[in-house]
Amino acid sequence: MLVGMLASGCSPTAPAGAVAPATGLSNYGRTGPLSTQSDALRTPALMTVTPNGTLKYYPIKVHGGRDPIAIGKIPHLNEAAGMAANGRMLAIADEVNQSLVLYDLNTKATQVFADPYGVPIDVAVGRNGDLYLLNEAGSLSSTVVRYPAHSRQPVLLSCDALVRGAAVALDDEGDVFVNGYDLKSPRVFEFPSGPSGPQSGQCTRPALLPESGYAAGVAVDPKTDDLVIVSNPGSCSGGLEGLMTIYPKPYEKRTAHSVYLNGHCVGLVRFNASSTLIFALDRTSSFAHAYVIQRTYPQGTGDASYRHRYLSGFITLPNSLPN
């Protein structure tokens, strides 16, 4: 399998086993200002991070772009496996340092929280400000770590059926969705929200259309609460890829409809603030280059892309919660 490969470049083999034991949270505190090359951030923008941790952005345009504007190096950050945003606060999954990095675009301050449960490959932020990291855990099963908005103390969410995850997202009600794999095939897993939020071990497998090939992305339209699942039916072997299936609430397969994003090997997906565009990490079939493609939503049309050597985690600004 190619689980998580689009986000982190990890091995496609799927581990099984117990959940990693809980350990404490390390808060490295705030750092000084980030030196900037451009203080005038032009929005709407596509924010991205290079493999050395440099934050850059592209003004969002009809035909994409090839000349990102550098903002600067984010302290304590290497490569971003995934990125979300709450206003001007960026939440970044750092797979190299196994941490959650929060960077404030207004104050230029950085906070780093250790992820004690594995290697983060994607991040999502809920409408209430809670943050969620999706982890790979070596030979153990994938887990989700919740960082409540007002404490940032990590709360482990495990699911016995989830062998390995590829992407994570939340809906308006705070339900957590993971696109990933069980022991047999790609599928979607849900942690329903309750009075105290999603609970560990309380996961379900919604009755959605079967996925084939590789699991890729998952997102929720913040305007309609529609659930969006992306997969690569051809297993990134050179054919038509990036199958986007949209499920209106209450997420039933009888009301779903699908379109292709026409990528090569599509991964994580994000919306713009108005949900008129959808963006996806894509790679060449040889995995030599990563870039971001832009398509209309929900039609999936267009051929715009954002390219400049190698790009990793990305998010749009402005944005709407959840994302």
Protein backbone atom coordinates (compact mmCIF):
# COMPACT_ATOMS: atom_id res chain seq x y z
CA MET A 1 0.00 0.00 0.00
CA LEU A 2 0.93 3.62 -0.43
CA VAL A 3 -0.69 4.72 2.82
CA GLY A 4 0.65 8.07 4.03
CA MET A 5 3.19 8.16 1.22
CA LEU A 6 1.66 11.24 -0.35
CA ALA A 7 1.90 13.12 2.91
CA SER A 8 5.15 11.87 4.35
CA GLY A 9 7.00 9.72 1.84
CA CYS A 10 6.84 6.74 4.19
CA SER A 11 6.86 3.09 3.27
CA PRO A 12 3.57 1.75 1.87
CA THR A 13 3.48 -1.35 4.08
CA ALA A 14 0.61 -1.35 6.58
CA PRO A 15 1.47 -2.06 10.23
CA ALA A 16 -0.77 -3.69 12.81
CA GLY A 17 -0.68 -4.01 16.55
CA ALA A 18 -1.34 -2.18 19.79
CA VAL A 19 -1.52 1.56 20.37
CA ALA A 20 1.55 3.40 21.62
CA PRO A 21 1.56 4.14 25.37
CA ALA A 22 0.76 7.65 26.53
CA THR A 23 3.54 10.02 27.51
CA GLY A 24 3.62 13.67 28.54
CA LEU A 25 3.47 16.80 26.42
CA SER A 26 6.60 18.86 25.86
CA ASN A 27 5.93 22.56 25.27
CA TYR A 28 9.03 24.24 23.92
CA GLY A 29 7.47 27.67 24.42
CA ARG A 30 7.57 30.70 22.18
CA THR A 31 10.43 31.81 20.01
CA GLY A 32 11.39 35.23 18.73
CA PRO A 33 10.12 36.86 15.55
CA LEU A 34 10.53 35.17 12.19
CA SER A 35 12.62 37.25 9.82
CA THR A 36 10.46 38.06 6.80
CA GLN A 37 11.24 38.86 3.21
CA SER A 38 7.69 40.12 2.58
CA ASP A 39 5.48 41.63 5.30
CA ALA A 40 2.55 42.31 2.94
CA LEU A 41 0.81 38.96 2.61
CA ARG A 42 -1.49 39.13 -0.38
CA THR A 43 -4.65 37.09 -0.02
CA PRO A 44 -6.25 34.89 -1.13
CA ALA A 45 -3.05 32.89 -0.78
CA LEU A 46 -1.85 29.32 -0.92
CA MET A 47 0.59 28.79 1.98
CA THR A 48 3.17 26.04 1.69
CA VAL A 49 6.39 24.87 3.34
CA THR A 50 9.58 23.72 1.64
CA PRO A 51 11.54 20.69 2.93
CA ASN A 52 13.86 22.93 4.97
CA GLY A 53 10.96 24.56 6.82
CA THR A 54 10.75 27.79 4.82
CA LEU A 55 7.25 29.25 4.68
CA LYS A 56 6.22 30.53 1.25
CA TYR A 57 2.98 31.54 -0.40
CA TYR A 58 1.42 31.94 -3.83
CA PRO A 59 -1.30 34.49 -4.58
CA ILE A 60 -4.20 32.29 -5.72
CA LYS A 61 -4.82 32.80 -9.42
CA VAL A 62 -6.91 31.17 -12.13
CA HIS A 63 -3.89 29.53 -13.73
CA GLY A 64 -1.87 28.82 -10.56
CA GLY A 65 1.70 29.98 -10.17
CA ARG A 66 5.41 29.13 -10.27
CA ASP A 67 6.96 31.96 -8.24
CA PRO A 68 6.18 31.62 -4.53
CA ILE A 69 6.95 34.53 -2.20
CA ALA A 70 9.22 33.58 0.71
CA ILE A 71 8.15 34.64 4.20
CA GLY A 72 11.01 33.04 6.12
CA LYS A 73 12.21 30.00 8.03
CA ILE A 74 9.91 28.80 10.82
CA PRO A 75 11.95 27.92 13.94
CA HIS A 76 11.87 24.26 15.05
CA LEU A 77 10.31 23.15 11.76
CA ASN A 78 11.67 20.83 9.14
CA GLU A 79 9.22 19.38 6.62
CA ALA A 80 5.47 20.00 6.90
CA ALA A 81 3.50 16.81 6.33
CA GLY A 82 0.22 18.71 6.61
CA MET A 83 -1.09 22.17 7.45
CA ALA A 84 -4.34 23.73 8.71
CA ALA A 85 -5.25 27.27 9.76
CA ASN A 86 -7.40 29.07 12.31
CA GLY A 87 -7.45 32.67 11.16
CA ARG A 88 -3.79 33.71 10.88
CA MET A 89 -2.59 30.86 13.12
CA LEU A 90 -0.99 28.06 11.09
CA ALA A 91 -1.04 24.53 12.52
CA ILE A 92 1.69 22.39 10.99
CA ALA A 93 2.38 18.66 11.32
CA ASP A 94 6.18 18.26 11.54
CA GLU A 95 6.97 14.64 10.75
CA VAL A 96 10.73 15.01 11.19
CA ASN A 97 10.59 16.34 14.76
CA GLN A 98 7.33 14.49 15.55
CA SER A 99 5.58 17.61 16.73
CA LEU A 100 2.74 20.08 16.21
CA VAL A 101 4.01 23.54 15.28
CA LEU A 102 1.79 26.60 15.73
CA TYR A 103 2.93 29.72 13.87
CA ASP A 104 1.18 33.07 14.20
CA LEU A 105 1.40 35.08 10.99
CA ASN A 106 0.55 38.30 12.88
CA THR A 107 2.99 38.11 15.79
CA LYS A 108 5.57 35.83 14.10
CA ALA A 109 5.61 33.71 17.29
CA THR A 110 6.04 29.93 17.22
CA GLN A 111 4.89 27.26 19.65
CA VAL A 112 5.94 23.62 19.42
CA PHE A 113 4.11 20.71 21.06
CA ALA A 114 5.63 17.24 21.03
CA ASP A 115 3.53 14.44 19.58
CA PRO A 116 4.13 11.51 21.96
CA TYR A 117 2.20 8.94 19.92
CA GLY A 118 3.95 8.65 16.56
CA VAL A 119 4.87 10.50 13.37
CA PRO A 120 2.28 13.13 12.36
CA ILE A 121 1.28 13.00 8.69
CA ASP A 122 -1.76 15.33 8.64
CA VAL A 123 -3.47 17.95 10.81
CA ALA A 124 -7.00 19.37 11.05
CA VAL A 125 -8.64 22.11 13.10
CA GLY A 126 -12.24 21.98 14.31
CA ARG A 127 -14.80 24.76 14.50
CA ASN A 128 -14.13 25.06 18.26
CA GLY A 129 -10.36 25.40 17.76
CA ASP A 130 -9.40 21.85 18.76
CA LEU A 131 -6.47 20.48 16.77
CA TYR A 132 -6.08 16.90 15.55
CA LEU A 133 -2.94 15.14 14.35
CA LEU A 134 -3.09 11.90 12.37
CA ASN A 135 -0.14 9.66 13.21
CA GLU A 136 1.80 6.83 11.73
CA ALA A 137 3.18 4.74 14.56
CA GLY A 138 5.87 2.50 13.07
CA SER A 139 4.82 -1.12 13.52
CA LEU A 140 1.75 -0.04 15.51
CA SER A 141 -1.63 1.09 14.26
CA SER A 142 -2.29 4.69 13.27
CA THR A 143 -3.80 6.97 15.89
CA VAL A 144 -5.29 10.45 16.14
CA VAL A 145 -4.12 12.93 18.77
CA ARG A 146 -6.49 15.66 19.92
CA TYR A 147 -5.14 18.95 21.32
CA PRO A 148 -8.09 20.75 23.00
CA ALA A 149 -8.21 24.47 22.21
CA HIS A 150 -7.80 25.70 25.79
CA SER A 151 -5.23 23.26 27.17
CA ARG A 152 -3.23 21.70 24.32
CA GLN A 153 -2.77 18.59 26.46
CA PRO A 154 -2.70 15.64 24.02
CA VAL A 155 -5.60 13.18 24.12
CA LEU A 156 -5.11 9.88 22.30
CA LEU A 157 -7.84 8.56 20.00
CA SER A 158 -7.29 4.98 18.91
CA CYS A 159 -9.38 2.71 16.70
CA ASP A 160 -8.80 -1.04 16.57
CA ALA A 161 -10.00 -1.29 12.96
CA LEU A 162 -7.73 1.52 11.70
CA VAL A 163 -4.45 -0.03 10.61
CA ARG A 164 -2.98 2.99 8.87
CA GLY A 165 -4.30 6.45 8.09
CA ALA A 166 -3.69 8.77 5.15
CA ALA A 167 -5.63 11.96 5.99
CA VAL A 168 -7.85 13.47 8.70
CA ALA A 169 -10.73 16.00 8.70
CA LEU A 170 -13.62 17.21 10.89
CA ASP A 171 -17.20 18.18 10.17
CA ASP A 172 -19.21 21.01 11.74
CA GLU A 173 -20.37 18.79 14.60
CA GLY A 174 -16.83 17.84 15.60
CA ASP A 175 -16.92 14.31 14.20
CA VAL A 176 -13.44 13.17 13.14
CA PHE A 177 -12.94 11.34 9.83
CA VAL A 178 -9.84 9.42 8.77
CA ASN A 179 -9.30 8.13 5.25
CA GLY A 180 -7.04 5.11 5.54
CA TYR A 181 -6.94 1.33 5.64
CA ASP A 182 -8.18 -1.58 7.65
CA LEU A 183 -6.54 -4.98 7.27
CA LYS A 184 -8.07 -5.51 3.82
CA SER A 185 -8.77 -2.31 1.93
CA PRO A 186 -8.95 1.50 1.92
CA ARG A 187 -11.93 2.99 3.72
CA VAL A 188 -13.15 5.80 5.97
CA PHE A 189 -13.22 5.71 9.77
CA GLU A 190 -15.22 8.05 12.00
CA PHE A 191 -14.82 9.12 15.64
CA PRO A 192 -18.29 10.55 16.46
CA SER A 193 -18.30 13.60 18.71
CA GLY A 194 -20.04 13.46 22.08
CA PRO A 195 -20.50 15.66 25.17
CA SER A 196 -16.76 15.42 25.84
CA GLY A 197 -15.70 15.31 22.21
CA PRO A 198 -14.57 12.21 20.26
CA GLN A 199 -13.57 9.28 22.46
CA SER A 200 -10.79 6.73 22.06
CA GLY A 201 -12.01 3.34 20.92
CA GLN A 202 -15.40 4.73 19.90
CA CYS A 203 -14.92 4.58 16.13
CA THR A 204 -17.19 3.45 13.33
CA ARG A 205 -16.86 2.64 9.65
CA PRO A 206 -19.51 4.64 7.75
CA ALA A 207 -21.36 2.82 4.98
CA LEU A 208 -19.83 4.75 2.10
CA LEU A 209 -18.97 3.66 -1.43
CA PRO A 210 -15.98 1.28 -1.50
CA GLU A 211 -12.60 2.83 -2.26
CA SER A 212 -10.06 1.17 -4.52
CA GLY A 213 -6.35 1.66 -5.11
CA TYR A 214 -4.81 4.11 -2.64
CA ALA A 215 -6.57 6.19 -0.02
CA ALA A 216 -5.56 9.83 -0.43
CA GLY A 217 -7.43 12.77 1.08
CA VAL A 218 -10.47 13.63 3.17
CA ALA A 219 -12.07 17.04 3.68
CA VAL A 220 -15.36 18.59 4.78
CA ASP A 221 -16.91 21.52 2.91
CA PRO A 222 -17.18 24.18 5.66
CA LYS A 223 -20.19 25.78 3.93
CA THR A 224 -22.37 22.70 3.34
CA ASP A 225 -20.82 20.11 5.71
CA ASP A 226 -20.46 17.74 2.73
CA LEU A 227 -17.88 15.00 3.22
CA VAL A 228 -15.26 14.72 0.46
CA ILE A 229 -13.19 11.55 -0.02
CA VAL A 230 -10.29 11.35 -2.49
CA SER A 231 -8.57 8.18 -3.70
CA ASN A 232 -6.27 6.98 -6.47
CA PRO A 233 -8.07 4.00 -8.05
CA GLY A 234 -5.17 3.25 -10.39
CA SER A 235 -2.68 3.05 -7.49
CA CYS A 236 -0.62 5.88 -9.01
CA SER A 237 0.52 3.72 -11.90
CA GLY A 238 0.18 6.36 -14.60
CA GLY A 239 -3.54 6.45 -15.35
CA LEU A 240 -6.35 8.83 -14.40
CA GLU A 241 -6.10 9.60 -10.67
CA GLY A 242 -7.67 11.71 -7.97
CA LEU A 243 -11.22 10.37 -7.74
CA MET A 244 -13.22 12.85 -5.61
CA THR A 245 -16.45 11.51 -4.11
CA ILE A 246 -18.80 14.01 -2.44
CA TYR A 247 -21.29 12.89 0.23
CA PRO A 248 -24.01 15.36 1.26
CA LYS A 249 -25.13 15.12 4.89
CA PRO A 250 -26.03 12.53 6.26
CA TYR A 251 -23.20 10.88 4.26
CA GLU A 252 -24.98 8.07 2.45
CA LYS A 253 -23.69 6.28 -0.64
CA ARG A 254 -27.04 6.61 -2.44
CA THR A 255 -26.60 10.42 -2.61
CA ALA A 256 -22.88 10.44 -3.44
CA HIS A 257 -21.43 11.62 -6.73
CA SER A 258 -17.86 11.41 -8.03
CA VAL A 259 -15.59 13.34 -10.38
CA TYR A 260 -11.90 13.05 -11.24
CA LEU A 261 -9.41 15.74 -10.29
CA ASN A 262 -7.14 14.54 -13.11
CA GLY A 263 -3.96 14.26 -11.09
CA HIS A 264 -1.03 11.84 -11.22
CA CYS A 265 -0.91 10.67 -7.59
CA VAL A 266 -3.17 12.87 -5.49
CA GLY A 267 -2.82 13.29 -1.73
CA LEU A 268 -4.07 15.75 0.91
CA VAL A 269 -6.87 18.15 -0.08
CA ARG A 270 -7.99 21.59 1.17
CA PHE A 271 -10.71 24.13 0.25
CA ASN A 272 -10.55 27.86 -0.28
CA ALA A 273 -12.67 30.03 2.05
CA SER A 274 -15.69 30.13 -0.28
CA SER A 275 -15.53 26.40 -1.17
CA THR A 276 -15.42 27.26 -4.87
CA LEU A 277 -11.95 25.75 -5.31
CA ILE A 278 -10.33 22.58 -4.04
CA PHE A 279 -6.57 22.08 -3.84
CA ALA A 280 -4.68 18.79 -3.68
CA LEU A 281 -1.08 17.73 -3.20
CA ASP A 282 -0.01 15.86 -6.32
CA ARG A 283 3.14 14.06 -7.43
CA THR A 284 4.58 12.80 -10.64
CA SER A 285 4.26 9.08 -11.15
CA SER A 286 7.95 8.71 -10.27
CA PHE A 287 7.41 10.68 -7.00
CA ALA A 288 10.29 12.95 -8.01
CA HIS A 289 8.31 16.20 -7.63
CA ALA A 290 5.42 17.36 -5.46
CA TYR A 291 3.19 20.29 -6.30
CA VAL A 292 -0.35 21.53 -5.62
CA ILE A 293 -3.17 21.30 -8.16
CA GLN A 294 -6.23 23.58 -8.18
CA ARG A 295 -9.67 22.55 -9.43
CA THR A 296 -13.15 24.05 -9.32
CA TYR A 297 -15.47 22.66 -6.66
CA PRO A 298 -17.64 20.64 -6.89
CA GLN A 299 -17.09 20.24 -10.66
CA GLY A 300 -13.42 19.22 -10.42
CA THR A 301 -12.57 21.10 -13.62
CA GLY A 302 -9.49 23.12 -14.58
CA ASP A 303 -5.78 22.40 -14.83
CA ALA A 304 -4.12 25.04 -12.61
CA SER A 305 -1.12 24.11 -10.47
CA TYR A 306 1.40 25.69 -8.12
CA ARG A 307 4.98 24.54 -8.63
CA HIS A 308 8.45 25.39 -7.39
CA ARG A 309 10.85 22.51 -6.83
CA TYR A 310 9.44 20.43 -3.97
CA LEU A 311 6.42 21.49 -1.89
CA SER A 312 4.87 19.78 1.12
CA GLY A 313 2.08 20.72 3.53
CA PHE A 314 -0.22 23.54 2.39
CA ILE A 315 -3.32 25.54 3.35
CA THR A 316 -5.28 28.46 1.91
CA LEU A 317 -5.77 31.90 3.50
CA PRO A 318 -8.32 33.15 4.27
CA ASN A 319 -9.96 29.91 5.28
CA SER A 320 -13.07 28.68 7.03
CA LEU A 321 -13.39 26.23 9.90
CA PRO A 322 -13.28 23.29 9.96
CA ASN A 323 -10.25 22.65 7.73
